[in-house]
């Protein structure tokens, strides 16, 4: 079996998503900080690219990754806005 660049990218994405989740459960990451949703967003984006370049398009997996990107993007936004609001409240 030969791995293509998009296979490697997809595996890296899986490592990012599962690593972030594992770190959250191990209390190495906090879900309300920007790093957790950012790792999920980057991982889901890498998996999405991998799915799009693969010859046999897996539509359900693609839908899942697009939803994961949207949810993670919202999490990044909330983390950044929440941190900005908290720093303004301390002024």
C-alpha atoms as a PDB file:
ATOM      1  CA  UNK A   1       0.000   0.000   0.000  1.00  0.00           C
ATOM      2  CA  UNK A   2       1.322   3.388  -0.984  1.00  0.00           C
ATOM      3  CA  UNK A   3       0.355   6.454   1.007  1.00  0.00           C
ATOM      4  CA  UNK A   4      -0.222   9.624  -0.980  1.00  0.00           C
ATOM      5  CA  UNK A   5       0.336  13.127   0.371  1.00  0.00           C
ATOM      6  CA  UNK A   6      -3.402  13.481   1.005  1.00  0.00           C
ATOM      7  CA  UNK A   7      -3.470  10.186   2.929  1.00  0.00           C
ATOM      8  CA  UNK A   8      -0.684  11.497   5.162  1.00  0.00           C
ATOM      9  CA  UNK A   9      -2.551  14.787   5.567  1.00  0.00           C
ATOM     10  CA  UNK A  10      -5.711  12.906   6.540  1.00  0.00           C
ATOM     11  CA  UNK A  11      -3.839  10.825   9.113  1.00  0.00           C
ATOM     12  CA  UNK A  12      -2.317  14.004  10.537  1.00  0.00           C
ATOM     13  CA  UNK A  13      -5.833  15.461  10.802  1.00  0.00           C
ATOM     14  CA  UNK A  14      -7.041  12.390  12.675  1.00  0.00           C
ATOM     15  CA  UNK A  15      -4.069  12.675  15.056  1.00  0.00           C
ATOM     16  CA  UNK A  16      -4.934  16.339  15.709  1.00  0.00           C
ATOM     17  CA  UNK A  17      -8.629  15.687  16.402  1.00  0.00           C
ATOM     18  CA  UNK A  18      -8.096  12.593  18.537  1.00  0.00           C
ATOM     19  CA  UNK A  19      -5.088  14.121  20.288  1.00  0.00           C
ATOM     20  CA  UNK A  20      -7.108  17.210  21.212  1.00  0.00           C
ATOM     21  CA  UNK A  21      -9.966  15.080  22.516  1.00  0.00           C
ATOM     22  CA  UNK A  22      -7.613  12.862  24.489  1.00  0.00           C
ATOM     23  CA  UNK A  23      -5.847  15.903  25.929  1.00  0.00           C
ATOM     24  CA  UNK A  24      -9.209  17.355  26.931  1.00  0.00           C
ATOM     25  CA  UNK A  25     -10.159  14.144  28.742  1.00  0.00           C
ATOM     26  CA  UNK A  26      -6.731  14.006  30.400  1.00  0.00           C
ATOM     27  CA  UNK A  27      -7.228  17.640  31.458  1.00  0.00           C
ATOM     28  CA  UNK A  28      -4.187  18.791  29.489  1.00  0.00           C
ATOM     29  CA  UNK A  29      -6.409  21.134  27.436  1.00  0.00           C
ATOM     30  CA  UNK A  30      -9.405  23.202  28.428  1.00  0.00           C
ATOM     31  CA  UNK A  31     -12.454  23.242  26.211  1.00  0.00           C
ATOM     32  CA  UNK A  32     -13.045  26.939  26.832  1.00  0.00           C
ATOM     33  CA  UNK A  33      -9.620  27.987  25.513  1.00  0.00           C
ATOM     34  CA  UNK A  34      -8.819  28.620  21.861  1.00  0.00           C
ATOM     35  CA  UNK A  35      -6.360  25.728  21.421  1.00  0.00           C
ATOM     36  CA  UNK A  36      -8.936  22.921  21.677  1.00  0.00           C
ATOM     37  CA  UNK A  37     -11.314  24.143  18.950  1.00  0.00           C
ATOM     38  CA  UNK A  38      -8.361  25.317  16.854  1.00  0.00           C
ATOM     39  CA  UNK A  39      -6.791  21.835  16.853  1.00  0.00           C
ATOM     40  CA  UNK A  40     -10.190  20.380  15.939  1.00  0.00           C
ATOM     41  CA  UNK A  41     -10.635  22.878  13.123  1.00  0.00           C
ATOM     42  CA  UNK A  42      -7.181  22.198  11.677  1.00  0.00           C
ATOM     43  CA  UNK A  43      -7.657  18.443  12.003  1.00  0.00           C
ATOM     44  CA  UNK A  44     -11.072  18.495  10.345  1.00  0.00           C
ATOM     45  CA  UNK A  45      -9.732  20.721   7.547  1.00  0.00           C
ATOM     46  CA  UNK A  46      -6.865  18.287   6.912  1.00  0.00           C
ATOM     47  CA  UNK A  47      -9.281  15.346   6.834  1.00  0.00           C
ATOM     48  CA  UNK A  48     -11.557  17.278   4.456  1.00  0.00           C
ATOM     49  CA  UNK A  49      -8.705  17.925   2.014  1.00  0.00           C
ATOM     50  CA  UNK A  50      -7.826  14.242   2.193  1.00  0.00           C
ATOM     51  CA  UNK A  51     -11.416  13.267   1.434  1.00  0.00           C
ATOM     52  CA  UNK A  52     -11.669  15.673  -1.492  1.00  0.00           C
ATOM     53  CA  UNK A  53      -8.510  14.351  -3.167  1.00  0.00           C
ATOM     54  CA  UNK A  54      -9.404  10.696  -2.692  1.00  0.00           C
ATOM     55  CA  UNK A  55     -10.906   9.030  -5.779  1.00  0.00           C
ATOM     56  CA  UNK A  56     -13.814   7.413  -3.916  1.00  0.00           C
ATOM     57  CA  UNK A  57     -15.594  10.367  -2.334  1.00  0.00           C
ATOM     58  CA  UNK A  58     -17.111   9.457   1.031  1.00  0.00           C
ATOM     59  CA  UNK A  59     -20.014  11.926   1.232  1.00  0.00           C
ATOM     60  CA  UNK A  60     -21.131  11.144   4.817  1.00  0.00           C
ATOM     61  CA  UNK A  61     -17.559  11.584   6.091  1.00  0.00           C
ATOM     62  CA  UNK A  62     -17.255  14.832   4.115  1.00  0.00           C
ATOM     63  CA  UNK A  63     -20.488  16.166   5.649  1.00  0.00           C
ATOM     64  CA  UNK A  64     -19.204  15.235   9.107  1.00  0.00           C
ATOM     65  CA  UNK A  65     -15.928  17.108   8.559  1.00  0.00           C
ATOM     66  CA  UNK A  66     -17.667  20.200   7.196  1.00  0.00           C
ATOM     67  CA  UNK A  67     -19.893  20.244  10.287  1.00  0.00           C
ATOM     68  CA  UNK A  68     -16.811  19.732  12.486  1.00  0.00           C
ATOM     69  CA  UNK A  69     -15.114  22.704  10.808  1.00  0.00           C
ATOM     70  CA  UNK A  70     -18.191  24.889  11.346  1.00  0.00           C
ATOM     71  CA  UNK A  71     -18.575  23.913  15.007  1.00  0.00           C
ATOM     72  CA  UNK A  72     -14.859  24.293  15.683  1.00  0.00           C
ATOM     73  CA  UNK A  73     -14.798  27.650  13.906  1.00  0.00           C
ATOM     74  CA  UNK A  74     -17.588  28.808  16.192  1.00  0.00           C
ATOM     75  CA  UNK A  75     -15.587  27.527  19.174  1.00  0.00           C
ATOM     76  CA  UNK A  76     -12.512  29.477  18.058  1.00  0.00           C
ATOM     77  CA  UNK A  77     -14.649  32.584  17.593  1.00  0.00           C
ATOM     78  CA  UNK A  78     -16.244  32.195  21.035  1.00  0.00           C
ATOM     79  CA  UNK A  79     -12.864  31.624  22.676  1.00  0.00           C
ATOM     80  CA  UNK A  80     -11.359  34.719  21.080  1.00  0.00           C
ATOM     81  CA  UNK A  81     -14.410  36.914  21.741  1.00  0.00           C
ATOM     82  CA  UNK A  82     -14.770  35.528  25.273  1.00  0.00           C
ATOM     83  CA  UNK A  83     -11.129  36.265  26.048  1.00  0.00           C
ATOM     84  CA  UNK A  84     -11.462  39.766  24.595  1.00  0.00           C
ATOM     85  CA  UNK A  85     -14.586  40.403  26.700  1.00  0.00           C
ATOM     86  CA  UNK A  86     -12.876  39.105  29.846  1.00  0.00           C
ATOM     87  CA  UNK A  87      -9.823  41.305  29.310  1.00  0.00           C
ATOM     88  CA  UNK A  88     -12.044  44.372  28.732  1.00  0.00           C
ATOM     89  CA  UNK A  89     -14.009  43.611  31.904  1.00  0.00           C
ATOM     90  CA  UNK A  90     -10.751  43.664  33.892  1.00  0.00           C
ATOM     91  CA  UNK A  91      -9.853  47.171  32.661  1.00  0.00           C
END
